[in-house]
């Protein structure tokens, strides 16, 4: 991955949107909404997760070149999804994408749209016009490396076996995979390389399930794969902040960002294996205070 798509936390405070008076918090919120729009449209079109993740990365990269005030996140989200279906070879008819976008934007999944209507042509023309704008913003660099491949490698290297007789391994892998899926709602993809995001998702999952990770070669597991501890901790904190903002499912544990447990119902309901729950945020650590298999 080239460094032109990586920005520091300080640089993210000087985005085109910030120069238009949009706060970093507001920008993160709007980017999240744009990614949520992509996911909703993608699900309705039965697109694979990889295509939706690629579209989300396109959206984040676009807004490093353009302001949110210049192009609405729904418009660029629709365009990014159209482009991602071509890049990932999961094409859908333009008509189907247009109708799906209109239904999600209007919060009416039963919307019937005439192909000759003004609304249909507005969405169609917007996507086709913005596609060229998006390609230029991306510098025609359409190859996206996602964290999924390194995540699978790390699960095999440092996690318990995922065989049928060992549910711990499956739980760890499933949760880490869900965290990677949700990571595209944040700005992590323009801050850290896929290996760091995969490591953060794995660490987050290990803390959530209280499953230790194995060290290798006489050094901590994160050092073995060459991931910086500060970057790992920061990426995990960003994931924790994302889940802290989500509504909690009734009857299950709810966690604050600090990691302290919030009140829950009296029944001891097990935490579901989904990415919509808020796992406890791993406590900050240093290299001198480490238990075996933990950061």
Protein backbone atom coordinates (compact mmCIF):
# COMPACT_ATOMS: atom_id res chain seq x y z
CA UNK A 1 0.00 0.00 0.00
CA UNK A 2 1.37 3.39 -0.97
CA UNK A 3 1.80 6.09 1.65
CA UNK A 4 -0.35 8.53 -0.33
CA UNK A 5 -3.40 6.91 1.30
CA UNK A 6 -2.08 7.08 4.87
CA UNK A 7 -2.55 10.16 7.06
CA UNK A 8 -1.54 10.90 10.64
CA UNK A 9 -4.04 11.89 13.31
CA UNK A 10 -2.75 15.45 13.10
CA UNK A 11 -3.18 15.54 9.32
CA UNK A 12 -6.77 14.33 9.70
CA UNK A 13 -7.53 17.58 11.47
CA UNK A 14 -6.71 19.43 8.25
CA UNK A 15 -9.01 17.72 5.76
CA UNK A 16 -10.88 19.66 3.04
CA UNK A 17 -14.01 19.42 5.22
CA UNK A 18 -12.21 21.04 8.14
CA UNK A 19 -11.36 24.05 5.95
CA UNK A 20 -15.09 24.38 5.28
CA UNK A 21 -15.77 24.68 8.99
CA UNK A 22 -16.78 21.07 9.64
CA UNK A 23 -15.45 19.74 12.94
CA UNK A 24 -13.55 16.45 13.06
CA UNK A 25 -16.32 14.92 15.16
CA UNK A 26 -18.95 15.95 12.60
CA UNK A 27 -16.82 14.68 9.73
CA UNK A 28 -16.39 11.30 11.39
CA UNK A 29 -20.15 11.15 12.01
CA UNK A 30 -21.00 11.96 8.38
CA UNK A 31 -18.44 9.51 7.03
CA UNK A 32 -19.99 6.85 9.26
CA UNK A 33 -23.43 7.68 7.87
CA UNK A 34 -22.09 7.44 4.34
CA UNK A 35 -20.63 4.01 5.08
CA UNK A 36 -23.86 2.90 6.73
CA UNK A 37 -25.69 3.96 3.57
CA UNK A 38 -23.29 1.86 1.50
CA UNK A 39 -23.84 -1.16 3.74
CA UNK A 40 -27.63 -0.84 3.64
CA UNK A 41 -27.71 -0.51 -0.14
CA UNK A 42 -25.18 -3.31 -0.54
CA UNK A 43 -27.17 -5.68 1.64
CA UNK A 44 -30.36 -4.93 -0.30
CA UNK A 45 -28.47 -5.78 -3.51
CA UNK A 46 -27.03 -8.92 -1.89
CA UNK A 47 -23.48 -7.77 -2.51
CA UNK A 48 -20.55 -9.49 -0.75
CA UNK A 49 -18.91 -7.77 2.20
CA UNK A 50 -15.70 -7.28 0.24
CA UNK A 51 -17.48 -5.09 -2.31
CA UNK A 52 -19.10 -2.97 0.39
CA UNK A 53 -15.79 -2.59 2.23
CA UNK A 54 -14.07 -1.50 -0.98
CA UNK A 55 -16.78 1.12 -1.54
CA UNK A 56 -16.35 2.41 2.01
CA UNK A 57 -12.59 2.79 1.51
CA UNK A 58 -13.26 4.69 -1.71
CA UNK A 59 -15.55 7.05 0.22
CA UNK A 60 -12.96 7.73 2.92
CA UNK A 61 -10.23 8.38 0.37
CA UNK A 62 -12.51 10.68 -1.64
CA UNK A 63 -13.13 12.90 1.39
CA UNK A 64 -9.40 13.31 1.85
CA UNK A 65 -9.51 15.22 -1.46
CA UNK A 66 -12.95 16.83 -1.32
CA UNK A 67 -15.12 18.43 1.34
CA UNK A 68 -18.38 17.00 2.62
CA UNK A 69 -19.91 20.33 1.68
CA UNK A 70 -18.97 19.78 -1.95
CA UNK A 71 -20.53 16.33 -2.40
CA UNK A 72 -23.15 14.77 -0.10
CA UNK A 73 -22.12 11.46 1.46
CA UNK A 74 -25.18 9.69 0.01
CA UNK A 75 -24.20 10.78 -3.50
CA UNK A 76 -20.57 9.72 -3.18
CA UNK A 77 -21.61 6.58 -1.28
CA UNK A 78 -23.82 5.51 -4.19
CA UNK A 79 -21.04 6.29 -6.68
CA UNK A 80 -18.44 4.44 -4.61
CA UNK A 81 -20.66 1.37 -4.49
CA UNK A 82 -21.21 1.48 -8.25
CA UNK A 83 -17.46 1.67 -8.82
CA UNK A 84 -16.75 -1.07 -6.26
CA UNK A 85 -19.10 -3.50 -8.01
CA UNK A 86 -16.98 -3.08 -11.13
CA UNK A 87 -13.64 -3.32 -9.34
CA UNK A 88 -14.61 -6.44 -7.35
CA UNK A 89 -16.41 -7.98 -10.35
CA UNK A 90 -19.77 -8.18 -8.60
CA UNK A 91 -21.65 -6.07 -11.12
CA UNK A 92 -25.28 -5.13 -10.71
CA UNK A 93 -27.51 -3.37 -13.22
CA UNK A 94 -27.33 0.40 -12.92
CA UNK A 95 -31.13 0.44 -12.69
CA UNK A 96 -31.06 -1.85 -9.65
CA UNK A 97 -28.40 0.24 -7.89
CA UNK A 98 -30.34 3.45 -8.55
CA UNK A 99 -33.58 2.05 -7.15
CA UNK A 100 -31.82 0.53 -4.12
CA UNK A 101 -30.14 3.87 -3.32
CA UNK A 102 -33.41 5.77 -3.62
CA UNK A 103 -35.20 3.29 -1.34
CA UNK A 104 -32.54 3.47 1.37
CA UNK A 105 -32.20 7.26 1.13
CA UNK A 106 -35.97 7.72 1.46
CA UNK A 107 -36.22 4.99 4.14
CA UNK A 108 -38.84 3.21 2.07
CA UNK A 109 -37.77 -0.28 1.03
CA UNK A 110 -41.07 -0.81 -0.81
CA UNK A 111 -40.65 2.29 -2.96
CA UNK A 112 -41.78 1.79 -6.54
CA UNK A 113 -39.78 3.98 -8.91
CA UNK A 114 -40.56 4.68 -12.53
CA UNK A 115 -37.44 4.64 -14.68
CA UNK A 116 -38.69 7.78 -16.41
CA UNK A 117 -39.21 9.71 -13.18
CA UNK A 118 -37.12 12.73 -12.25
CA UNK A 119 -35.92 11.04 -9.07
CA UNK A 120 -34.62 8.02 -10.98
CA UNK A 121 -32.72 10.19 -13.45
CA UNK A 122 -31.36 12.41 -10.69
CA UNK A 123 -29.76 9.41 -8.97
CA UNK A 124 -28.57 7.95 -12.27
CA UNK A 125 -27.01 11.19 -13.52
CA UNK A 126 -25.45 11.91 -10.12
CA UNK A 127 -23.69 8.54 -10.01
CA UNK A 128 -22.44 8.72 -13.58
CA UNK A 129 -21.19 12.29 -13.13
CA UNK A 130 -19.53 11.61 -9.80
CA UNK A 131 -17.88 8.42 -11.04
CA UNK A 132 -15.36 10.44 -13.02
CA UNK A 133 -14.84 12.77 -10.07
CA UNK A 134 -14.26 9.78 -7.78
CA UNK A 135 -11.80 8.16 -10.18
CA UNK A 136 -9.76 11.35 -10.35
CA UNK A 137 -9.78 11.73 -6.56
CA UNK A 138 -8.56 8.14 -6.25
CA UNK A 139 -5.85 8.81 -8.85
CA UNK A 140 -7.28 5.75 -10.65
CA UNK A 141 -5.70 3.61 -7.90
CA UNK A 142 -8.46 1.03 -7.50
CA UNK A 143 -6.56 -1.86 -5.91
CA UNK A 144 -7.61 -2.11 -2.27
CA UNK A 145 -5.83 -4.29 0.26
CA UNK A 146 -8.21 -5.24 3.06
CA UNK A 147 -7.35 -6.60 6.54
CA UNK A 148 -9.13 -9.93 5.94
CA UNK A 149 -6.14 -11.87 4.63
CA UNK A 150 -3.72 -10.90 7.45
CA UNK A 151 -6.52 -11.44 10.00
CA UNK A 152 -6.96 -15.07 8.96
CA UNK A 153 -3.21 -15.55 9.19
CA UNK A 154 -3.05 -14.01 12.68
CA UNK A 155 -5.95 -16.11 13.94
CA UNK A 156 -4.10 -19.27 12.91
CA UNK A 157 -0.77 -18.06 14.30
CA UNK A 158 -1.79 -16.64 17.67
CA UNK A 159 -5.30 -17.85 18.47
CA UNK A 160 -6.59 -21.22 19.65
CA UNK A 161 -7.45 -23.88 17.12
CA UNK A 162 -10.72 -23.23 15.25
CA UNK A 163 -11.59 -26.91 14.91
CA UNK A 164 -15.14 -28.01 15.65
CA UNK A 165 -14.19 -29.30 19.11
CA UNK A 166 -12.75 -25.92 20.08
CA UNK A 167 -15.42 -23.16 20.00
CA UNK A 168 -12.95 -20.59 21.37
CA UNK A 169 -11.10 -20.43 18.09
CA UNK A 170 -14.30 -19.95 16.11
CA UNK A 171 -15.63 -17.29 18.48
CA UNK A 172 -12.36 -15.38 18.31
CA UNK A 173 -12.22 -15.48 14.50
CA UNK A 174 -15.89 -14.56 14.03
CA UNK A 175 -15.72 -11.58 16.36
CA UNK A 176 -12.45 -10.32 14.88
CA UNK A 177 -13.95 -10.65 11.39
CA UNK A 178 -17.01 -8.65 12.47
CA UNK A 179 -14.76 -5.95 13.96
CA UNK A 180 -12.87 -5.69 10.65
CA UNK A 181 -16.19 -5.36 8.82
CA UNK A 182 -17.22 -2.48 11.08
CA UNK A 183 -13.80 -0.82 11.01
CA UNK A 184 -14.60 0.73 7.60
CA UNK A 185 -17.16 2.94 9.37
CA UNK A 186 -14.21 4.67 11.02
CA UNK A 187 -11.23 6.47 9.47
CA UNK A 188 -8.85 3.61 10.29
CA UNK A 189 -8.44 2.70 6.60
CA UNK A 190 -6.77 6.08 5.94
CA UNK A 191 -4.68 5.96 9.12
CA UNK A 192 -3.17 2.48 9.33
CA UNK A 193 -2.21 -0.35 6.96
CA UNK A 194 -4.36 -3.51 6.80
CA UNK A 195 -1.98 -5.47 9.05
CA UNK A 196 -2.44 -3.02 11.92
CA UNK A 197 -6.24 -2.99 11.55
CA UNK A 198 -6.30 -6.80 11.48
CA UNK A 199 -4.14 -6.95 14.61
CA UNK A 200 -6.40 -4.43 16.41
CA UNK A 201 -9.49 -6.46 15.52
CA UNK A 202 -7.85 -9.64 16.80
CA UNK A 203 -6.73 -8.02 20.04
CA UNK A 204 -10.18 -6.51 20.55
CA UNK A 205 -11.79 -9.91 20.01
CA UNK A 206 -9.35 -11.62 22.37
CA UNK A 207 -10.15 -9.16 25.16
CA UNK A 208 -13.88 -9.44 24.51
CA UNK A 209 -13.84 -13.24 24.80
CA UNK A 210 -11.00 -13.29 27.35
CA UNK A 211 -8.98 -15.58 25.09
CA UNK A 212 -5.20 -15.11 25.40
CA UNK A 213 -3.06 -14.78 22.28
CA UNK A 214 0.14 -16.81 21.98
CA UNK A 215 3.51 -15.12 21.72
CA UNK A 216 6.07 -16.26 19.17
CA UNK A 217 9.84 -16.39 18.97
CA UNK A 218 10.36 -15.09 22.49
CA UNK A 219 8.60 -11.81 21.77
CA UNK A 220 5.04 -10.49 22.06
CA UNK A 221 2.73 -11.54 19.24
CA UNK A 222 2.34 -7.98 17.94
CA UNK A 223 6.11 -7.56 17.81
CA UNK A 224 6.45 -10.84 15.94
CA UNK A 225 4.31 -9.49 13.07
CA UNK A 226 5.96 -6.07 13.17
CA UNK A 227 2.98 -4.01 14.41
CA UNK A 228 3.77 -0.98 16.55
CA UNK A 229 2.23 -1.20 20.03
CA UNK A 230 1.19 2.47 20.05
CA UNK A 231 -0.54 2.10 16.68
CA UNK A 232 -2.22 -1.09 17.85
CA UNK A 233 -3.54 0.55 21.01
CA UNK A 234 -4.74 3.63 19.12
CA UNK A 235 -6.54 1.57 16.45
CA UNK A 236 -8.25 -0.50 19.13
CA UNK A 237 -9.37 2.64 20.95
CA UNK A 238 -10.95 3.94 17.74
CA UNK A 239 -12.87 0.67 17.38
CA UNK A 240 -13.98 0.89 21.01
CA UNK A 241 -15.22 4.45 20.48
CA UNK A 242 -17.30 3.24 17.52
CA UNK A 243 -19.08 0.59 19.57
CA UNK A 244 -19.54 2.93 22.50
CA UNK A 245 -21.68 5.14 20.24
CA UNK A 246 -23.96 2.26 19.17
CA UNK A 247 -27.22 1.48 21.03
CA UNK A 248 -27.01 -1.59 23.23
CA UNK A 249 -29.07 -4.73 22.68
CA UNK A 250 -31.52 -5.33 25.55
CA UNK A 251 -30.76 -8.16 27.93
CA UNK A 252 -27.02 -8.29 27.26
CA UNK A 253 -23.93 -6.71 28.73
CA UNK A 254 -23.37 -3.05 27.98
CA UNK A 255 -19.92 -1.55 28.37
CA UNK A 256 -18.59 1.93 28.73
CA UNK A 257 -15.46 2.94 26.83
CA UNK A 258 -13.57 2.86 30.08
CA UNK A 259 -14.23 -0.86 30.29
CA UNK A 260 -16.45 -0.68 33.35
CA UNK A 261 -19.65 -2.64 33.12
CA UNK A 262 -22.94 -0.75 32.91
CA UNK A 263 -26.17 -1.95 34.60
CA UNK A 264 -27.81 -4.89 32.89
CA UNK A 265 -31.00 -6.88 33.21
CA UNK A 266 -31.22 -9.41 36.00
CA UNK A 267 -31.27 -12.39 33.66
CA UNK A 268 -27.79 -13.54 32.73
CA UNK A 269 -28.19 -13.41 28.97
CA UNK A 270 -25.14 -14.48 26.96
CA UNK A 271 -23.52 -11.88 24.74
CA UNK A 272 -24.46 -12.55 21.09
CA UNK A 273 -21.75 -13.18 18.51
CA UNK A 274 -22.38 -10.03 16.50
CA UNK A 275 -20.49 -6.82 15.87
CA UNK A 276 -23.32 -4.65 17.23
CA UNK A 277 -22.40 -5.17 20.86
CA UNK A 278 -19.91 -2.96 22.63
CA UNK A 279 -17.00 -5.03 23.92
CA UNK A 280 -14.91 -3.78 26.83
CA UNK A 281 -12.12 -1.49 25.75
CA UNK A 282 -8.72 -3.03 26.47
CA UNK A 283 -6.88 -1.19 29.19
CA UNK A 284 -3.74 0.74 28.19
CA UNK A 285 -0.59 -1.29 28.69
CA UNK A 286 3.15 -0.88 28.49
CA UNK A 287 5.90 -3.27 27.61
CA UNK A 288 6.87 -3.90 31.23
CA UNK A 289 3.50 -5.09 32.50
CA UNK A 290 2.44 -8.06 30.44
CA UNK A 291 0.89 -11.34 31.34
CA UNK A 292 1.56 -14.33 29.16
CA UNK A 293 -0.32 -14.13 25.87
CA UNK A 294 -1.65 -10.63 26.54
CA UNK A 295 -0.70 -7.10 25.59
